[in-house]
């Protein structure tokens, strides 16, 4: 798996959540079916969208920030 997959797996582990539980929560928030197989495939192939990554961060209680080399930062909302 790629770097994003490892990051998401670590973050879910920090929240005592499995990828299956995460996939279920994504489906609940989107009000549509979202399976573990779909999530796993996107992570494995590194085709997960930025929108999905933002949603995952929100579900896990994180926020994505961009930090430039001059020390300023932009927060993703």
N, C-alpha and C. Protein backbone atom coordinates (compact mmCIF):
# COMPACT_ATOMS: atom_id res chain seq x y z
N UNK A 1 0.84 -1.19 0.00
CA UNK A 1 0.00 0.00 0.00
C UNK A 1 0.88 1.24 0.00
N UNK A 2 0.30 2.32 -0.49
CA UNK A 2 1.04 3.57 -0.59
C UNK A 2 1.04 4.36 0.70
N UNK A 3 1.66 5.51 0.63
CA UNK A 3 1.82 6.36 1.80
C UNK A 3 0.46 6.81 2.36
N UNK A 4 -0.46 7.23 1.50
CA UNK A 4 -1.77 7.69 1.98
C UNK A 4 -2.49 6.56 2.70
N UNK A 5 -2.38 5.36 2.19
CA UNK A 5 -3.02 4.21 2.83
C UNK A 5 -2.45 3.99 4.22
N UNK A 6 -1.14 4.06 4.34
CA UNK A 6 -0.52 3.87 5.65
C UNK A 6 -0.92 4.98 6.62
N UNK A 7 -0.99 6.21 6.12
CA UNK A 7 -1.39 7.33 6.97
C UNK A 7 -2.82 7.13 7.49
N UNK A 8 -3.72 6.76 6.61
CA UNK A 8 -5.12 6.56 7.01
C UNK A 8 -5.24 5.38 7.97
N UNK A 9 -4.52 4.31 7.70
CA UNK A 9 -4.55 3.16 8.61
C UNK A 9 -4.03 3.55 10.00
N UNK A 10 -2.97 4.35 10.04
CA UNK A 10 -2.44 4.81 11.33
C UNK A 10 -3.43 5.71 12.06
N UNK A 11 -4.07 6.61 11.32
CA UNK A 11 -5.04 7.52 11.94
C UNK A 11 -6.26 6.77 12.47
N UNK A 12 -6.74 5.79 11.70
CA UNK A 12 -7.89 5.02 12.19
C UNK A 12 -7.49 4.23 13.43
N UNK A 13 -6.28 3.69 13.42
CA UNK A 13 -5.79 2.96 14.59
C UNK A 13 -5.70 3.85 15.82
N UNK A 14 -5.26 5.10 15.61
CA UNK A 14 -5.19 6.05 16.72
C UNK A 14 -6.56 6.33 17.32
N UNK A 15 -7.60 6.18 16.51
CA UNK A 15 -8.98 6.42 16.97
C UNK A 15 -9.69 5.11 17.31
N UNK A 16 -8.94 4.02 17.40
CA UNK A 16 -9.50 2.70 17.70
C UNK A 16 -10.65 2.35 16.75
N UNK A 17 -10.42 2.61 15.48
CA UNK A 17 -11.43 2.35 14.45
C UNK A 17 -10.80 1.46 13.38
N UNK A 18 -11.58 0.56 12.84
CA UNK A 18 -11.11 -0.28 11.73
C UNK A 18 -11.43 0.42 10.41
N UNK A 19 -10.79 -0.04 9.35
CA UNK A 19 -11.12 0.49 8.02
C UNK A 19 -12.57 0.15 7.65
N UNK A 20 -13.05 -0.99 8.11
CA UNK A 20 -14.45 -1.35 7.85
C UNK A 20 -15.40 -0.34 8.51
N UNK A 21 -15.11 0.00 9.76
CA UNK A 21 -15.93 1.00 10.46
C UNK A 21 -15.84 2.36 9.77
N UNK A 22 -14.65 2.70 9.31
CA UNK A 22 -14.48 3.96 8.60
C UNK A 22 -15.31 3.98 7.32
N UNK A 23 -15.26 2.89 6.56
CA UNK A 23 -16.05 2.80 5.33
C UNK A 23 -17.54 2.95 5.62
N UNK A 24 -18.01 2.33 6.71
CA UNK A 24 -19.42 2.45 7.09
C UNK A 24 -19.77 3.90 7.41
N UNK A 25 -18.89 4.59 8.13
CA UNK A 25 -19.15 5.99 8.49
C UNK A 25 -19.13 6.88 7.25
N UNK A 26 -18.24 6.61 6.31
CA UNK A 26 -18.22 7.37 5.06
C UNK A 26 -19.55 7.20 4.35
N UNK A 27 -20.05 5.98 4.28
CA UNK A 27 -21.34 5.71 3.65
C UNK A 27 -22.47 6.43 4.35
N UNK A 28 -22.44 6.45 5.68
CA UNK A 28 -23.49 7.15 6.44
C UNK A 28 -23.49 8.64 6.14
N UNK A 29 -22.30 9.25 6.14
CA UNK A 29 -22.20 10.69 5.89
C UNK A 29 -22.63 11.03 4.47
N UNK A 30 -22.25 10.18 3.51
CA UNK A 30 -22.60 10.42 2.11
C UNK A 30 -24.00 9.93 1.77
N UNK A 31 -24.62 9.23 2.71
CA UNK A 31 -25.95 8.67 2.50
C UNK A 31 -26.00 7.77 1.26
N UNK A 32 -24.95 6.96 1.12
CA UNK A 32 -24.91 5.98 0.04
C UNK A 32 -23.98 4.85 0.46
N UNK A 33 -24.07 3.75 -0.27
CA UNK A 33 -23.26 2.58 0.06
C UNK A 33 -21.79 2.88 -0.21
N UNK A 34 -20.95 2.58 0.75
CA UNK A 34 -19.50 2.74 0.62
C UNK A 34 -18.89 1.56 1.35
N UNK A 35 -18.30 0.65 0.60
CA UNK A 35 -17.84 -0.61 1.18
C UNK A 35 -16.37 -0.57 1.56
N UNK A 36 -16.00 -1.51 2.40
CA UNK A 36 -14.59 -1.69 2.75
C UNK A 36 -13.79 -2.02 1.51
N UNK A 37 -14.35 -2.83 0.62
CA UNK A 37 -13.65 -3.20 -0.61
C UNK A 37 -13.36 -1.97 -1.45
N UNK A 38 -14.31 -1.07 -1.54
CA UNK A 38 -14.13 0.17 -2.31
C UNK A 38 -13.03 1.03 -1.70
N UNK A 39 -13.09 1.20 -0.38
CA UNK A 39 -12.08 2.00 0.31
C UNK A 39 -10.71 1.37 0.15
N UNK A 40 -10.62 0.07 0.37
CA UNK A 40 -9.34 -0.63 0.26
C UNK A 40 -8.75 -0.51 -1.14
N UNK A 41 -9.59 -0.65 -2.15
CA UNK A 41 -9.12 -0.55 -3.53
C UNK A 41 -8.59 0.85 -3.82
N UNK A 42 -9.31 1.86 -3.38
CA UNK A 42 -8.86 3.24 -3.61
C UNK A 42 -7.54 3.51 -2.89
N UNK A 43 -7.38 2.97 -1.69
CA UNK A 43 -6.14 3.16 -0.96
C UNK A 43 -4.99 2.39 -1.64
N UNK A 44 -5.27 1.18 -2.06
CA UNK A 44 -4.24 0.34 -2.67
C UNK A 44 -3.77 0.95 -4.00
N UNK A 45 -4.73 1.44 -4.79
CA UNK A 45 -4.39 2.00 -6.10
C UNK A 45 -4.03 3.48 -6.03
N UNK A 46 -4.16 4.06 -4.85
CA UNK A 46 -3.90 5.48 -4.62
C UNK A 46 -4.77 6.35 -5.54
N UNK A 47 -6.06 5.99 -5.62
CA UNK A 47 -7.01 6.74 -6.43
C UNK A 47 -8.06 7.45 -5.57
N UNK A 48 -7.84 7.49 -4.28
CA UNK A 48 -8.78 8.15 -3.38
C UNK A 48 -8.75 9.66 -3.66
N UNK A 49 -9.91 10.27 -3.69
CA UNK A 49 -9.98 11.69 -4.02
C UNK A 49 -9.66 12.55 -2.80
N UNK A 50 -9.29 13.78 -3.07
CA UNK A 50 -9.01 14.73 -2.00
C UNK A 50 -10.27 14.95 -1.16
N UNK A 51 -11.41 14.99 -1.83
CA UNK A 51 -12.70 15.17 -1.13
C UNK A 51 -12.92 14.03 -0.13
N UNK A 52 -12.60 12.81 -0.54
CA UNK A 52 -12.75 11.66 0.36
C UNK A 52 -11.75 11.73 1.52
N UNK A 53 -10.53 12.16 1.24
CA UNK A 53 -9.53 12.29 2.29
C UNK A 53 -9.97 13.35 3.30
N UNK A 54 -10.52 14.47 2.82
CA UNK A 54 -11.04 15.49 3.73
C UNK A 54 -12.16 14.94 4.60
N UNK A 55 -13.04 14.14 4.00
CA UNK A 55 -14.13 13.54 4.75
C UNK A 55 -13.60 12.57 5.80
N UNK A 56 -12.62 11.78 5.43
CA UNK A 56 -12.01 10.85 6.38
C UNK A 56 -11.40 11.61 7.54
N UNK A 57 -10.69 12.69 7.25
CA UNK A 57 -10.10 13.52 8.31
C UNK A 57 -11.19 14.03 9.24
N UNK A 58 -12.28 14.50 8.67
CA UNK A 58 -13.39 15.02 9.48
C UNK A 58 -13.98 13.93 10.36
N UNK A 59 -14.21 12.77 9.80
CA UNK A 59 -14.78 11.65 10.56
C UNK A 59 -13.87 11.27 11.72
N UNK A 60 -12.57 11.31 11.48
CA UNK A 60 -11.60 10.92 12.51
C UNK A 60 -11.25 12.05 13.47
N UNK A 61 -11.80 13.23 13.22
CA UNK A 61 -11.55 14.35 14.12
C UNK A 61 -10.24 15.08 13.85
N UNK A 62 -9.82 15.08 12.58
CA UNK A 62 -8.60 15.79 12.18
C UNK A 62 -8.95 16.88 11.18
N UNK A 63 -7.98 17.75 10.95
CA UNK A 63 -8.10 18.80 9.95
C UNK A 63 -6.83 18.75 9.11
N UNK A 64 -6.97 18.98 7.83
CA UNK A 64 -5.82 18.98 6.93
C UNK A 64 -5.29 20.40 6.83
N UNK A 65 -3.99 20.56 6.98
CA UNK A 65 -3.35 21.87 6.85
C UNK A 65 -2.22 21.79 5.85
N UNK A 66 -2.07 22.87 5.08
CA UNK A 66 -0.94 22.99 4.16
C UNK A 66 0.02 24.00 4.78
N UNK A 67 1.26 23.61 4.93
CA UNK A 67 2.26 24.49 5.53
C UNK A 67 3.31 24.78 4.47
N UNK A 68 3.53 26.08 4.17
CA UNK A 68 4.53 26.41 3.17
C UNK A 68 5.91 26.51 3.82
N UNK A 69 6.91 26.63 3.01
CA UNK A 69 8.28 26.62 3.51
C UNK A 69 8.66 27.88 4.26
N UNK A 70 7.86 28.95 4.13
CA UNK A 70 8.12 30.17 4.88
C UNK A 70 7.40 30.20 6.22
N UNK A 71 6.76 29.09 6.58
CA UNK A 71 6.14 28.98 7.89
C UNK A 71 4.69 29.41 7.96
N UNK A 72 4.13 29.90 6.87
CA UNK A 72 2.70 30.23 6.86
C UNK A 72 1.92 28.95 6.64
N UNK A 73 0.65 28.95 6.98
CA UNK A 73 -0.14 27.75 6.74
C UNK A 73 -1.52 28.13 6.23
N UNK A 74 -2.11 27.21 5.51
CA UNK A 74 -3.48 27.32 5.03
C UNK A 74 -4.24 26.13 5.53
N UNK A 75 -5.37 26.35 6.13
CA UNK A 75 -6.18 25.23 6.65
C UNK A 75 -7.23 24.84 5.62
N UNK A 76 -7.41 23.56 5.46
CA UNK A 76 -8.46 23.04 4.61
C UNK A 76 -9.76 23.04 5.40
N UNK A 77 -10.81 23.56 4.82
CA UNK A 77 -12.09 23.62 5.52
C UNK A 77 -13.08 22.68 4.92
